[in-house]
PDB file of N, CA and C in Angstrom:
ATOM      1  N   UNK A   1    -112.846  52.006 112.728  1.00  0.00           N
ATOM      2  CA  UNK A   1    -112.124  52.966 112.777  1.00  0.00           C
ATOM      3  C   UNK A   1    -112.684  53.705 111.609  1.00  0.00           C
ATOM      4  N   UNK A   2    -112.735  55.318 111.846  1.00  0.00           N
ATOM      5  CA  UNK A   2    -113.432  55.948 110.754  1.00  0.00           C
ATOM      6  C   UNK A   2    -111.909  56.795 110.243  1.00  0.00           C
ATOM      7  N   UNK A   3    -112.224  56.837 108.674  1.00  0.00           N
ATOM      8  CA  UNK A   3    -110.834  57.491 108.095  1.00  0.00           C
ATOM      9  C   UNK A   3    -111.420  58.716 107.711  1.00  0.00           C
ATOM     10  N   UNK A   4    -110.543  59.776 107.835  1.00  0.00           N
ATOM     11  CA  UNK A   4    -111.221  61.234 107.409  1.00  0.00           C
ATOM     12  C   UNK A   4    -110.058  61.417 106.026  1.00  0.00           C
ATOM     13  N   UNK A   5    -110.264  60.499 104.841  1.00  0.00           N
ATOM     14  CA  UNK A   5    -109.657  60.756 103.434  1.00  0.00           C
ATOM     15  C   UNK A   5    -110.783  60.861 102.541  1.00  0.00           C
ATOM     16  N   UNK A   6    -111.567  61.442 102.952  1.00  0.00           N
ATOM     17  CA  UNK A   6    -112.595  61.982 101.909  1.00  0.00           C
ATOM     18  C   UNK A   6    -112.049  62.985 100.828  1.00  0.00           C
ATOM     19  N   UNK A   7    -111.512  62.448  99.570  1.00  0.00           N
ATOM     20  CA  UNK A   7    -111.066  63.445  98.989  1.00  0.00           C
ATOM     21  C   UNK A   7    -111.852  64.063  98.018  1.00  0.00           C
ATOM     22  N   UNK A   8    -111.270  65.270  97.181  1.00  0.00           N
ATOM     23  CA  UNK A   8    -112.017  66.162  96.600  1.00  0.00           C
ATOM     24  C   UNK A   8    -111.136  65.849  94.987  1.00  0.00           C
ATOM     25  N   UNK A   9    -110.488  65.057  94.765  1.00  0.00           N
ATOM     26  CA  UNK A   9    -109.756  65.034  93.522  1.00  0.00           C
ATOM     27  C   UNK A   9    -110.754  64.372  92.452  1.00  0.00           C
ATOM     28  N   UNK A  10    -111.192  64.983  91.365  1.00  0.00           N
ATOM     29  CA  UNK A  10    -111.810  64.535  90.216  1.00  0.00           C
ATOM     30  C   UNK A  10    -111.109  64.586  89.078  1.00  0.00           C
ATOM     31  N   UNK A  11    -110.938  63.545  88.446  1.00  0.00           N
ATOM     32  CA  UNK A  11    -109.846  63.740  87.352  1.00  0.00           C
ATOM     33  C   UNK A  11    -110.554  64.033  86.264  1.00  0.00           C
ATOM     34  N   UNK A  12    -111.868  64.123  86.347  1.00  0.00           N
ATOM     35  CA  UNK A  12    -112.492  65.030  85.000  1.00  0.00           C
ATOM     36  C   UNK A  12    -112.428  66.622  84.865  1.00  0.00           C
ATOM     37  N   UNK A  13    -111.839  67.077  86.062  1.00  0.00           N
ATOM     38  CA  UNK A  13    -111.912  68.501  86.027  1.00  0.00           C
ATOM     39  C   UNK A  13    -110.377  68.834  85.852  1.00  0.00           C
ATOM     40  N   UNK A  14    -109.983  70.033  85.398  1.00  0.00           N
ATOM     41  CA  UNK A  14    -108.771  70.677  84.828  1.00  0.00           C
ATOM     42  C   UNK A  14    -107.895  70.611  86.774  1.00  0.00           C
ATOM     43  N   UNK A  15    -106.735  70.137  86.745  1.00  0.00           N
ATOM     44  CA  UNK A  15    -106.197  70.271  88.118  1.00  0.00           C
ATOM     45  C   UNK A  15    -106.729  69.360  89.155  1.00  0.00           C
ATOM     46  N   UNK A  16    -107.656  68.762  88.685  1.00  0.00           N
ATOM     47  CA  UNK A  16    -108.553  67.800  89.769  1.00  0.00           C
ATOM     48  C   UNK A  16    -109.841  68.452  90.432  1.00  0.00           C
ATOM     49  N   UNK A  17    -109.934  69.650  90.081  1.00  0.00           N
ATOM     50  CA  UNK A  17    -111.072  70.316  90.721  1.00  0.00           C
ATOM     51  C   UNK A  17    -110.511  70.935  91.775  1.00  0.00           C
ATOM     52  N   UNK A  18    -111.610  71.713  92.550  1.00  0.00           N
ATOM     53  CA  UNK A  18    -111.396  72.677  93.357  1.00  0.00           C
ATOM     54  C   UNK A  18    -111.526  71.806  94.826  1.00  0.00           C
ATOM     55  N   UNK A  19    -110.316  72.195  95.473  1.00  0.00           N
ATOM     56  CA  UNK A  19    -110.281  71.494  96.984  1.00  0.00           C
ATOM     57  C   UNK A  19    -111.345  71.990  97.880  1.00  0.00           C
ATOM     58  N   UNK A  20    -111.752  71.015  98.535  1.00  0.00           N
ATOM     59  CA  UNK A  20    -112.595  71.062  99.651  1.00  0.00           C
ATOM     60  C   UNK A  20    -112.168  70.824 101.153  1.00  0.00           C
ATOM     61  N   UNK A  21    -112.550  71.453 102.110  1.00  0.00           N
ATOM     62  CA  UNK A  21    -111.976  71.182 103.505  1.00  0.00           C
ATOM     63  C   UNK A  21    -112.386  69.969 103.703  1.00  0.00           C
ATOM     64  N   UNK A  22    -111.487  69.352 104.552  1.00  0.00           N
ATOM     65  CA  UNK A  22    -111.650  67.927 105.028  1.00  0.00           C
ATOM     66  C   UNK A  22    -112.006  67.905 106.493  1.00  0.00           C
ATOM     67  N   UNK A  23    -113.297  68.252 106.344  1.00  0.00           N
ATOM     68  CA  UNK A  23    -114.299  68.689 107.599  1.00  0.00           C
ATOM     69  C   UNK A  23    -115.933  67.783 107.750  1.00  0.00           C
ATOM     70  N   UNK A  24    -115.680  66.722 106.422  1.00  0.00           N
ATOM     71  CA  UNK A  24    -117.004  66.024 106.336  1.00  0.00           C
ATOM     72  C   UNK A  24    -117.276  65.324 107.533  1.00  0.00           C
ATOM     73  N   UNK A  25    -116.185  64.646 108.291  1.00  0.00           N
ATOM     74  CA  UNK A  25    -116.525  63.868 109.490  1.00  0.00           C
ATOM     75  C   UNK A  25    -116.937  64.506 110.528  1.00  0.00           C
ATOM     76  N   UNK A  26    -116.502  65.931 110.925  1.00  0.00           N
ATOM     77  CA  UNK A  26    -116.927  66.587 111.983  1.00  0.00           C
ATOM     78  C   UNK A  26    -118.422  67.423 111.513  1.00  0.00           C
ATOM     79  N   UNK A  27    -118.132  67.650 110.460  1.00  0.00           N
ATOM     80  CA  UNK A  27    -119.325  68.694 110.088  1.00  0.00           C
ATOM     81  C   UNK A  27    -120.536  67.825 109.618  1.00  0.00           C
ATOM     82  N   UNK A  28    -120.666  66.504 109.070  1.00  0.00           N
ATOM     83  CA  UNK A  28    -121.962  65.835 108.594  1.00  0.00           C
ATOM     84  C   UNK A  28    -121.971  64.404 109.324  1.00  0.00           C
ATOM     85  N   UNK A  29    -120.942  63.528 109.155  1.00  0.00           N
ATOM     86  CA  UNK A  29    -120.874  62.289 109.588  1.00  0.00           C
ATOM     87  C   UNK A  29    -121.269  62.063 110.872  1.00  0.00           C
ATOM     88  N   UNK A  30    -120.426  62.848 111.961  1.00  0.00           N
ATOM     89  CA  UNK A  30    -120.552  62.513 113.439  1.00  0.00           C
ATOM     90  C   UNK A  30    -122.053  62.885 113.804  1.00  0.00           C
ATOM     91  N   UNK A  31    -122.405  64.259 113.432  1.00  0.00           N
ATOM     92  CA  UNK A  31    -123.746  64.397 113.630  1.00  0.00           C
ATOM     93  C   UNK A  31    -124.783  63.645 113.359  1.00  0.00           C
ATOM     94  N   UNK A  32    -124.474  62.826 112.159  1.00  0.00           N
ATOM     95  CA  UNK A  32    -125.548  61.871 111.393  1.00  0.00           C
ATOM     96  C   UNK A  32    -125.693  60.684 112.322  1.00  0.00           C
ATOM     97  N   UNK A  33    -124.411  60.170 113.189  1.00  0.00           N
ATOM     98  CA  UNK A  33    -124.633  59.327 113.997  1.00  0.00           C
ATOM     99  C   UNK A  33    -125.183  59.639 115.370  1.00  0.00           C
ATOM    100  N   UNK A  34    -125.095  60.749 115.750  1.00  0.00           N
ATOM    101  CA  UNK A  34    -125.449  61.266 117.179  1.00  0.00           C
ATOM    102  C   UNK A  34    -127.002  61.498 116.732  1.00  0.00           C
ATOM    103  N   UNK A  35    -127.527  61.624 115.716  1.00  0.00           N
ATOM    104  CA  UNK A  35    -128.974  61.981 115.686  1.00  0.00           C
ATOM    105  C   UNK A  35    -129.901  60.782 115.944  1.00  0.00           C
ATOM    106  N   UNK A  36    -129.364  59.779 115.482  1.00  0.00           N
ATOM    107  CA  UNK A  36    -130.535  58.499 115.792  1.00  0.00           C
ATOM    108  C   UNK A  36    -130.298  58.031 117.352  1.00  0.00           C
ATOM    109  N   UNK A  37    -128.995  58.781 118.025  1.00  0.00           N
ATOM    110  CA  UNK A  37    -128.816  58.128 119.210  1.00  0.00           C
ATOM    111  C   UNK A  37    -127.468  57.792 119.870  1.00  0.00           C
ATOM    112  N   UNK A  38    -126.411  57.344 118.653  1.00  0.00           N
ATOM    113  CA  UNK A  38    -125.227  56.679 118.893  1.00  0.00           C
ATOM    114  C   UNK A  38    -124.483  57.396 119.772  1.00  0.00           C
ATOM    115  N   UNK A  39    -124.189  56.945 121.238  1.00  0.00           N
ATOM    116  CA  UNK A  39    -123.629  57.345 122.380  1.00  0.00           C
ATOM    117  C   UNK A  39    -122.186  57.917 122.048  1.00  0.00           C
ATOM    118  N   UNK A  40    -121.492  58.700 122.879  1.00  0.00           N
ATOM    119  CA  UNK A  40    -120.508  59.330 122.868  1.00  0.00           C
ATOM    120  C   UNK A  40    -119.320  58.488 123.176  1.00  0.00           C
ATOM    121  N   UNK A  41    -119.861  57.713 123.785  1.00  0.00           N
ATOM    122  CA  UNK A  41    -118.454  56.578 123.894  1.00  0.00           C
ATOM    123  C   UNK A  41    -118.186  55.790 122.700  1.00  0.00           C
ATOM    124  N   UNK A  42    -119.413  55.482 121.992  1.00  0.00           N
ATOM    125  CA  UNK A  42    -118.980  54.633 120.612  1.00  0.00           C
ATOM    126  C   UNK A  42    -118.016  55.406 119.735  1.00  0.00           C
ATOM    127  N   UNK A  43    -118.819  56.825 119.505  1.00  0.00           N
ATOM    128  CA  UNK A  43    -117.989  57.772 118.770  1.00  0.00           C
ATOM    129  C   UNK A  43    -116.712  58.264 119.452  1.00  0.00           C
ATOM    130  N   UNK A  44    -116.136  58.260 120.461  1.00  0.00           N
ATOM    131  CA  UNK A  44    -115.010  58.173 120.948  1.00  0.00           C
ATOM    132  C   UNK A  44    -114.030  56.908 120.435  1.00  0.00           C
ATOM    133  N   UNK A  45    -114.694  55.771 120.574  1.00  0.00           N
ATOM    134  CA  UNK A  45    -114.068  54.523 120.184  1.00  0.00           C
ATOM    135  C   UNK A  45    -113.676  54.598 118.863  1.00  0.00           C
ATOM    136  N   UNK A  46    -114.650  55.149 117.687  1.00  0.00           N
ATOM    137  CA  UNK A  46    -114.475  54.960 116.476  1.00  0.00           C
ATOM    138  C   UNK A  46    -113.267  55.958 116.225  1.00  0.00           C
ATOM    139  N   UNK A  47    -113.451  57.223 116.656  1.00  0.00           N
ATOM    140  CA  UNK A  47    -112.642  58.496 116.250  1.00  0.00           C
ATOM    141  C   UNK A  47    -111.461  58.681 117.179  1.00  0.00           C
ATOM    142  N   UNK A  48    -111.032  57.933 118.309  1.00  0.00           N
ATOM    143  CA  UNK A  48    -110.087  58.057 119.008  1.00  0.00           C
ATOM    144  C   UNK A  48    -109.331  56.825 119.389  1.00  0.00           C
ATOM    145  N   UNK A  49    -110.227  55.850 120.039  1.00  0.00           N
ATOM    146  CA  UNK A  49    -109.566  54.896 120.502  1.00  0.00           C
ATOM    147  C   UNK A  49    -108.974  53.918 119.589  1.00  0.00           C
ATOM    148  N   UNK A  50    -109.863  53.471 118.889  1.00  0.00           N
ATOM    149  CA  UNK A  50    -109.199  52.714 117.159  1.00  0.00           C
ATOM    150  C   UNK A  50    -108.012  53.090 116.640  1.00  0.00           C
ATOM    151  N   UNK A  51    -108.308  54.403 115.973  1.00  0.00           N
ATOM    152  CA  UNK A  51    -106.902  54.994 115.443  1.00  0.00           C
ATOM    153  C   UNK A  51    -105.899  54.852 116.135  1.00  0.00           C
ATOM    154  N   UNK A  52    -105.891  55.178 117.646  1.00  0.00           N
ATOM    155  CA  UNK A  52    -104.572  55.154 118.681  1.00  0.00           C
ATOM    156  C   UNK A  52    -104.085  53.785 118.345  1.00  0.00           C
ATOM    157  N   UNK A  53    -104.836  52.626 118.674  1.00  0.00           N
ATOM    158  CA  UNK A  53    -104.630  51.443 118.632  1.00  0.00           C
ATOM    159  C   UNK A  53    -103.829  50.904 117.257  1.00  0.00           C
ATOM    160  N   UNK A  54    -104.410  51.444 116.001  1.00  0.00           N
ATOM    161  CA  UNK A  54    -104.064  50.975 114.778  1.00  0.00           C
ATOM    162  C   UNK A  54    -102.725  51.584 114.624  1.00  0.00           C
ATOM    163  N   UNK A  55    -102.301  52.751 115.353  1.00  0.00           N
ATOM    164  CA  UNK A  55    -101.072  53.333 114.812  1.00  0.00           C
ATOM    165  C   UNK A  55    -100.323  53.372 116.267  1.00  0.00           C
ATOM    166  N   UNK A  56    -100.364  52.727 117.043  1.00  0.00           N
ATOM    167  CA  UNK A  56     -99.653  52.885 118.280  1.00  0.00           C
ATOM    168  C   UNK A  56     -98.827  51.312 118.212  1.00  0.00           C
ATOM    169  N   UNK A  57     -97.666  51.926 117.988  1.00  0.00           N
ATOM    170  CA  UNK A  57     -96.866  50.624 117.674  1.00  0.00           C
ATOM    171  C   UNK A  57     -95.522  50.616 118.567  1.00  0.00           C
TER     172      UNK A  57
END
């Protein structure tokens, strides 16, 4: 399962710093998986199937 909890908080900066969008997963990480040939079924398992299983009770 892949988590989208990449935070922007920086305790060294006033107020924790400047918020950044939570788009790293779709803008950077998934394209990086696709580049060497990770198939869409695997990406679907990581981003949909596994989270559904983890949170469906």
